[in-house]
Protein backbone atom coordinates (compact mmCIF):
# COMPACT_ATOMS: atom_id res chain seq x y z
CA UNK A 1 104.24 112.63 112.09
CA UNK A 2 102.60 116.00 111.34
CA UNK A 3 103.60 117.87 108.19
CA UNK A 4 102.90 121.38 106.93
CA UNK A 5 103.58 123.14 103.65
CA UNK A 6 104.89 126.70 103.82
CA UNK A 7 106.13 129.32 101.39
CA UNK A 8 107.78 132.73 101.31
CA UNK A 9 108.36 135.11 98.44
CA UNK A 10 111.10 132.98 96.91
CA UNK A 11 110.69 129.44 98.15
CA UNK A 12 108.24 126.79 99.25
CA UNK A 13 109.03 123.97 101.66
CA UNK A 14 107.73 121.03 103.67
CA UNK A 15 108.25 121.02 107.42
CA UNK A 16 107.66 118.53 110.22
CA UNK A 17 105.85 119.91 113.25
CA UNK A 18 107.98 119.69 116.38
CA UNK A 19 106.18 122.08 118.70
CA UNK A 20 107.08 124.84 119.25
CA UNK A 21 109.13 124.59 116.05
CA UNK A 22 108.83 123.61 112.42
CA UNK A 23 111.75 121.56 111.10
CA UNK A 24 112.24 121.99 107.35
CA UNK A 25 112.83 119.01 105.11
CA UNK A 26 115.56 119.09 102.47
CA UNK A 27 115.26 117.99 98.83
CA UNK A 28 111.45 118.24 98.61
CA UNK A 29 109.22 121.29 98.29
CA UNK A 30 105.80 119.57 98.45
CA UNK A 31 104.13 116.78 100.38
CA UNK A 32 103.22 115.35 96.98
CA UNK A 33 106.91 114.93 96.08
CA UNK A 34 107.57 113.39 99.48
CA UNK A 35 104.64 110.96 99.11
CA UNK A 36 105.79 109.91 95.64
CA UNK A 37 109.24 109.21 97.04
CA UNK A 38 107.73 107.18 99.89
CA UNK A 39 105.56 105.08 97.55
CA UNK A 40 108.57 104.38 95.34
CA UNK A 41 110.47 103.13 98.41
CA UNK A 42 107.69 100.96 99.82
CA UNK A 43 105.16 103.34 101.31
CA UNK A 44 106.54 104.53 104.67
CA UNK A 45 105.94 108.28 104.66
CA UNK A 46 107.14 108.81 108.23
CA UNK A 47 110.50 107.22 107.44
CA UNK A 48 110.77 109.20 104.20
CA UNK A 49 110.16 112.49 106.04
CA UNK A 50 112.44 111.62 108.95
CA UNK A 51 115.31 110.87 106.58
CA UNK A 52 115.04 114.37 105.10
CA UNK A 53 114.91 116.42 108.31
CA UNK A 54 117.35 119.31 108.12
CA UNK A 55 118.86 121.53 110.77
CA UNK A 56 116.76 124.49 109.62
CA UNK A 57 113.95 125.40 111.99
CA UNK A 58 111.27 128.07 112.25
CA UNK A 59 109.19 129.16 115.22
CA UNK A 60 105.71 127.83 114.55
CA UNK A 61 104.09 130.72 116.45
CA UNK A 62 105.84 133.29 114.25
CA UNK A 63 104.45 131.63 111.10
CA UNK A 64 101.06 131.11 112.73
CA UNK A 65 100.76 134.72 113.89
CA UNK A 66 101.91 136.27 110.60
CA UNK A 67 105.18 137.49 112.12
CA UNK A 68 107.35 135.58 109.62
CA UNK A 69 107.82 135.91 105.89
CA UNK A 70 106.81 132.25 105.72
CA UNK A 71 103.09 131.56 105.27
CA UNK A 72 101.10 128.38 105.75
CA UNK A 73 99.80 126.66 102.63
CA UNK A 74 97.22 123.90 102.44
CA UNK A 75 99.00 120.74 103.64
CA UNK A 76 98.58 119.05 100.25
CA UNK A 77 98.37 120.36 96.69
CA UNK A 78 99.62 119.67 93.20
CA UNK A 79 101.83 122.70 92.48
CA UNK A 80 100.87 124.25 89.15
CA UNK A 81 98.36 121.52 88.23
CA UNK A 82 95.30 121.74 90.50
CA UNK A 83 93.22 119.89 87.88
CA UNK A 84 95.05 116.70 88.88
CA UNK A 85 93.38 116.84 92.31
CA UNK A 86 89.86 115.51 92.90
CA UNK A 87 88.04 116.99 95.90
CA UNK A 88 85.01 114.96 97.01
CA UNK A 89 83.18 113.83 100.10
CA UNK A 90 80.56 111.68 101.68
CA UNK A 91 77.62 112.72 103.82
CA UNK A 92 75.11 111.09 106.15
CA UNK A 93 77.93 109.35 107.98
CA UNK A 94 77.33 110.96 111.40
CA UNK A 95 74.07 110.90 113.36
CA UNK A 96 74.14 114.65 114.07
CA UNK A 97 74.35 115.72 110.43
CA UNK A 98 71.78 113.10 109.45
CA UNK A 99 69.34 114.59 111.95
CA UNK A 100 70.04 118.10 110.62
CA UNK A 101 69.43 116.92 107.06
CA UNK A 102 66.27 115.05 108.11
CA UNK A 103 64.84 118.18 109.71
CA UNK A 104 65.89 120.38 106.77
CA UNK A 105 64.33 118.21 104.10
CA UNK A 106 61.20 117.40 106.09
CA UNK A 107 60.52 121.11 106.55
CA UNK A 108 61.14 121.83 102.88
CA UNK A 109 58.69 119.14 101.83
CA UNK A 110 56.19 119.93 104.61
CA UNK A 111 56.33 116.29 105.69
CA UNK A 112 54.81 115.07 108.96
CA UNK A 113 57.29 114.29 111.72
CA UNK A 114 56.62 110.57 111.51
CA UNK A 115 57.68 110.27 107.87
CA UNK A 116 61.28 109.27 107.24
CA UNK A 117 63.04 111.32 104.57
CA UNK A 118 65.31 109.83 101.93
CA UNK A 119 68.26 111.28 103.85
CA UNK A 120 67.41 109.47 107.08
CA UNK A 121 66.63 106.31 105.15
CA UNK A 122 70.10 106.39 103.58
CA UNK A 123 71.67 106.96 106.99
CA UNK A 124 69.80 103.94 108.36
CA UNK A 125 71.08 101.82 105.47
CA UNK A 126 74.57 102.87 106.53
CA UNK A 127 73.93 101.88 110.13
CA UNK A 128 72.72 98.46 109.00
CA UNK A 129 75.21 97.69 106.24
CA UNK A 130 78.05 100.26 106.39
CA UNK A 131 80.39 98.15 108.51
CA UNK A 132 80.91 94.93 106.60
CA UNK A 133 83.07 92.08 107.88
CA UNK A 134 86.69 92.13 106.70
CA UNK A 135 86.83 91.10 103.06
CA UNK A 136 83.12 91.86 102.46
CA UNK A 137 81.57 94.85 100.66
CA UNK A 138 79.10 97.03 102.50
CA UNK A 139 76.45 99.40 101.22
CA UNK A 140 77.49 102.52 99.29
CA UNK A 141 77.39 105.85 101.14
CA UNK A 142 76.25 109.20 99.79
CA UNK A 143 79.01 110.68 97.60
CA UNK A 144 79.51 114.17 96.18
CA UNK A 145 82.00 116.10 94.06
CA UNK A 146 83.42 119.42 95.27
CA UNK A 147 85.80 120.31 92.46
CA UNK A 148 89.51 120.17 91.77
CA UNK A 149 92.49 121.43 93.73
CA UNK A 150 91.69 125.06 92.94
CA UNK A 151 88.80 124.76 95.42
CA UNK A 152 91.14 124.23 98.39
CA UNK A 153 91.92 127.30 100.47
CA UNK A 154 94.93 127.52 102.76
CA UNK A 155 94.52 127.99 106.51
CA UNK A 156 93.52 131.60 107.32
CA UNK A 157 92.32 131.97 103.70
CA UNK A 158 88.85 133.21 102.74
CA UNK A 159 85.84 131.01 102.19
CA UNK A 160 83.71 133.05 99.77
CA UNK A 161 79.95 132.84 99.49
CA UNK A 162 79.60 132.99 95.68
CA UNK A 163 77.48 135.67 94.05
CA UNK A 164 75.02 133.05 92.79
CA UNK A 165 74.73 131.29 96.19
CA UNK A 166 71.93 131.62 98.69
CA UNK A 167 74.09 130.91 101.72
CA UNK A 168 77.41 129.55 102.96
CA UNK A 169 77.86 127.36 106.00
CA UNK A 170 80.75 125.56 107.68
CA UNK A 171 81.01 121.78 107.91
CA UNK A 172 83.71 120.70 110.35
CA UNK A 173 85.14 117.40 109.14
CA UNK A 174 88.26 115.32 108.71
CA UNK A 175 89.51 114.94 105.15
CA UNK A 176 91.51 111.92 104.04
CA UNK A 177 94.21 112.45 101.41
CA UNK A 178 95.26 109.87 98.83
CA UNK A 179 97.84 109.43 96.08
CA UNK A 180 97.24 107.06 93.19
CA UNK A 181 100.51 105.29 92.41
CA UNK A 182 101.73 104.61 88.89
CA UNK A 183 100.29 101.08 89.04
CA UNK A 184 96.83 102.49 89.86
CA UNK A 185 96.85 101.53 93.54
CA UNK A 186 95.54 104.09 96.06
CA UNK A 187 97.73 105.08 99.02
CA UNK A 188 96.41 107.07 101.98
CA UNK A 189 98.93 109.84 102.62
CA UNK A 190 97.22 110.99 105.80
CA UNK A 191 94.35 113.07 107.14
CA UNK A 192 93.74 116.71 108.01
CA UNK A 193 91.13 118.84 109.72
CA UNK A 194 88.77 120.37 107.17
CA UNK A 195 85.96 122.83 106.60
CA UNK A 196 83.72 121.45 103.86
CA UNK A 197 81.84 124.66 103.04
CA UNK A 198 78.33 124.31 101.52
CA UNK A 199 75.13 126.19 100.60
CA UNK A 200 72.52 124.71 102.94
CA UNK A 201 69.72 127.12 101.98
CA UNK A 202 69.93 125.99 98.35
CA UNK A 203 70.07 122.35 99.43
CA UNK A 204 67.10 122.78 101.76
CA UNK A 205 64.86 123.73 98.85
CA UNK A 206 65.20 120.20 97.53
CA UNK A 207 67.67 117.46 98.38
CA UNK A 208 68.36 117.05 94.65
CA UNK A 209 70.18 120.40 94.91
CA UNK A 210 72.88 118.71 96.99
CA UNK A 211 75.27 118.36 94.03
CA UNK A 212 75.22 122.08 93.23
CA UNK A 213 75.35 123.11 96.88
CA UNK A 214 78.70 121.36 97.29
CA UNK A 215 80.57 123.13 94.44
CA UNK A 216 82.21 125.62 96.79
CA UNK A 217 85.59 126.57 98.13
CA UNK A 218 86.70 124.59 101.18
CA UNK A 219 89.77 124.39 103.38
CA UNK A 220 92.01 121.81 105.04
CA UNK A 221 94.91 121.93 107.44
CA UNK A 222 97.04 123.39 108.70
CA UNK A 223 98.67 120.01 109.45
CA UNK A 224 98.63 116.74 107.54
CA UNK A 225 98.70 113.86 110.03
CA UNK A 226 100.35 110.68 108.78
CA UNK A 227 98.38 107.52 109.70
CA UNK A 228 96.36 109.00 112.59
CA UNK A 229 94.18 106.90 114.88
CA UNK A 230 90.69 107.36 113.43
CA UNK A 231 88.42 105.54 115.86
CA UNK A 232 87.05 108.13 118.30
CA UNK A 233 88.23 111.65 117.44
CA UNK A 234 86.76 114.47 119.56
CA UNK A 235 86.87 118.00 118.30
CA UNK A 236 85.34 121.44 118.42
CA UNK A 237 83.98 124.01 116.02
CA UNK A 238 83.14 127.63 116.67
CA UNK A 239 82.08 130.77 114.83
CA UNK A 240 83.53 134.14 115.79
CA UNK A 241 81.75 137.36 114.90
CA UNK A 242 83.89 140.34 115.78
CA UNK A 243 85.21 139.74 119.28
CA UNK A 244 82.37 137.43 120.26
CA UNK A 245 81.85 133.70 120.01
CA UNK A 246 78.62 133.47 118.01
CA UNK A 247 78.33 129.67 118.22
CA UNK A 248 80.41 126.74 119.36
CA UNK A 249 80.01 123.00 119.67
CA UNK A 250 81.89 119.96 120.86
CA UNK A 251 81.89 117.40 118.05
CA UNK A 252 83.25 113.93 117.35
CA UNK A 253 84.28 112.01 114.28
CA UNK A 254 86.12 108.76 113.63
CA UNK A 255 84.75 105.29 112.96
CA UNK A 256 83.27 104.95 116.47
CA UNK A 257 80.97 107.90 115.67
CA UNK A 258 80.14 106.95 112.07
CA UNK A 259 77.76 104.51 110.45
CA UNK A 260 80.33 103.49 107.81
CA UNK A 261 83.78 102.03 108.35
CA UNK A 262 86.73 103.83 106.81
CA UNK A 263 87.45 100.75 104.70
CA UNK A 264 83.91 100.79 103.32
CA UNK A 265 84.09 104.50 102.45
CA UNK A 266 87.42 103.97 100.73
CA UNK A 267 86.17 100.96 98.75
CA UNK A 268 83.17 102.84 97.43
CA UNK A 269 85.31 105.78 96.38
CA UNK A 270 88.07 103.82 94.71
CA UNK A 271 85.91 101.07 93.17
CA UNK A 272 85.56 103.46 90.22
CA UNK A 273 88.44 103.08 87.76
CA UNK A 274 88.03 106.82 87.11
CA UNK A 275 89.25 107.40 90.67
CA UNK A 276 92.35 105.24 90.24
CA UNK A 277 94.11 107.14 87.48
CA UNK A 278 97.87 106.96 88.09
CA UNK A 279 99.46 110.12 89.38
CA UNK A 280 96.38 111.84 90.78
CA UNK A 281 95.58 113.19 94.24
CA UNK A 282 92.29 112.80 96.12
CA UNK A 283 91.01 114.88 99.02
CA UNK A 284 87.91 113.21 100.45
CA UNK A 285 85.80 114.71 103.25
CA UNK A 286 84.47 112.11 105.71
CA UNK A 287 81.30 113.84 106.89
CA UNK A 288 80.27 116.29 109.61
CA UNK A 289 78.89 115.66 113.08
CA UNK A 290 76.85 118.87 113.23
CA UNK A 291 76.30 122.19 111.45
CA UNK A 292 75.71 125.65 112.85
CA UNK A 293 73.06 125.99 110.14
CA UNK A 294 71.08 123.26 111.88
CA UNK A 295 70.86 125.55 114.94
CA UNK A 296 69.73 128.62 113.03
CA UNK A 297 73.11 130.30 112.43
CA UNK A 298 73.64 132.18 109.14
CA UNK A 299 77.23 133.13 108.42
CA UNK A 300 78.12 136.68 107.37
CA UNK A 301 81.12 138.27 105.71
CA UNK A 302 83.82 138.77 108.32
CA UNK A 303 82.85 135.77 110.45
CA UNK A 304 85.73 133.47 111.34
CA UNK A 305 85.35 129.69 111.49
CA UNK A 306 87.58 127.51 113.65
CA UNK A 307 87.80 123.71 113.39
CA UNK A 308 90.01 121.54 115.57
CA UNK A 309 90.28 117.80 116.21
CA UNK A 310 92.21 116.09 119.00
CA UNK A 311 95.70 115.00 117.91
CA UNK A 312 95.29 116.74 114.53
CA UNK A 313 97.41 119.75 115.43
CA UNK A 314 96.50 123.41 115.48
CA UNK A 315 93.05 124.62 114.56
CA UNK A 316 91.95 125.44 111.03
CA UNK A 317 90.84 129.08 110.73
CA UNK A 318 89.13 130.74 107.79
CA UNK A 319 87.29 134.00 107.25
CA UNK A 320 83.95 134.20 105.47
CA UNK A 321 83.67 136.61 102.55
CA UNK A 322 80.81 137.36 100.18
CA UNK A 323 81.19 137.95 96.44
CA UNK A 324 79.16 140.47 94.47
CA UNK A 325 75.73 139.11 93.48
CA UNK A 326 75.48 137.55 90.05
CA UNK A 327 72.77 139.48 88.19
CA UNK A 328 73.44 138.55 84.58
CA UNK A 329 73.68 135.08 83.05
CA UNK A 330 76.89 133.55 81.81
CA UNK A 331 76.93 133.92 78.03
CA UNK A 332 78.14 131.06 75.87
CA UNK A 333 79.65 131.89 72.48
CA UNK A 334 78.46 129.57 69.71
CA UNK A 335 81.05 128.49 67.17
CA UNK A 336 80.39 129.39 63.54
């Protein structure tokens, strides 16, 4: 089951993808509402969506190409309350990104090639202890915070390089999406293609800048895939500049290509009671296989990023923009 969220000037809706059509669901206007209904009835989201299929259809291509008054939204949100969404991620889960980080941090510290950086050391810990036996706890992965739901851009939306940033670079990943039920138990709603946008120049100066480099807009979608197979997931990422393909790469994600199991990543995210507050949403990026930054690419305003994974639906497209430089400090008003 693939779901999208769409809206026009007067209405928003959830639709099931039935290529070449979108079939609207009745009685719900958000995937969140649908997921809450499914949890209340035992947790089968596919059955919950199937029971609400209406006879109203739209041509997917018309929505996709901007020829309809309906527009694609991010496939999950909390309408009107983005602060109830936690956006986070984990890195150093794929060998390609670990190598990029190793090279980046070694160069920044002027380290000899033979010396292992902290990044590569953490990746090796994952390879050794990130796939525990069922019922056992493995080693914790790297974890980072990206913001709340206001940081999620819809498909085709802009990914801005902030005025205070040194750079902006794509990170093609899969994001897992979770709802915390009223009893505090986490439920995985599904997964979606994602672009976990970051400032790699700032991070390269010192790996302790990672936290700040991640506080950026990002994007997921266009389709939320309910319970996808996440073992070996091939994909592709490319950068378009004007009419030309500036850079492209075949990539792979899924547990077969990662040093941590999905269960281990989920345990180490939800072991914190803070992350199990009833009635909250979580969007968690699972790590990138490679970065164009690692091959010398610097994104510019107007560039278009495309991310696609096999069996995850249509590609995620976003345009890069650049905000005006920040030249004056933020002023804090003291209370009297």
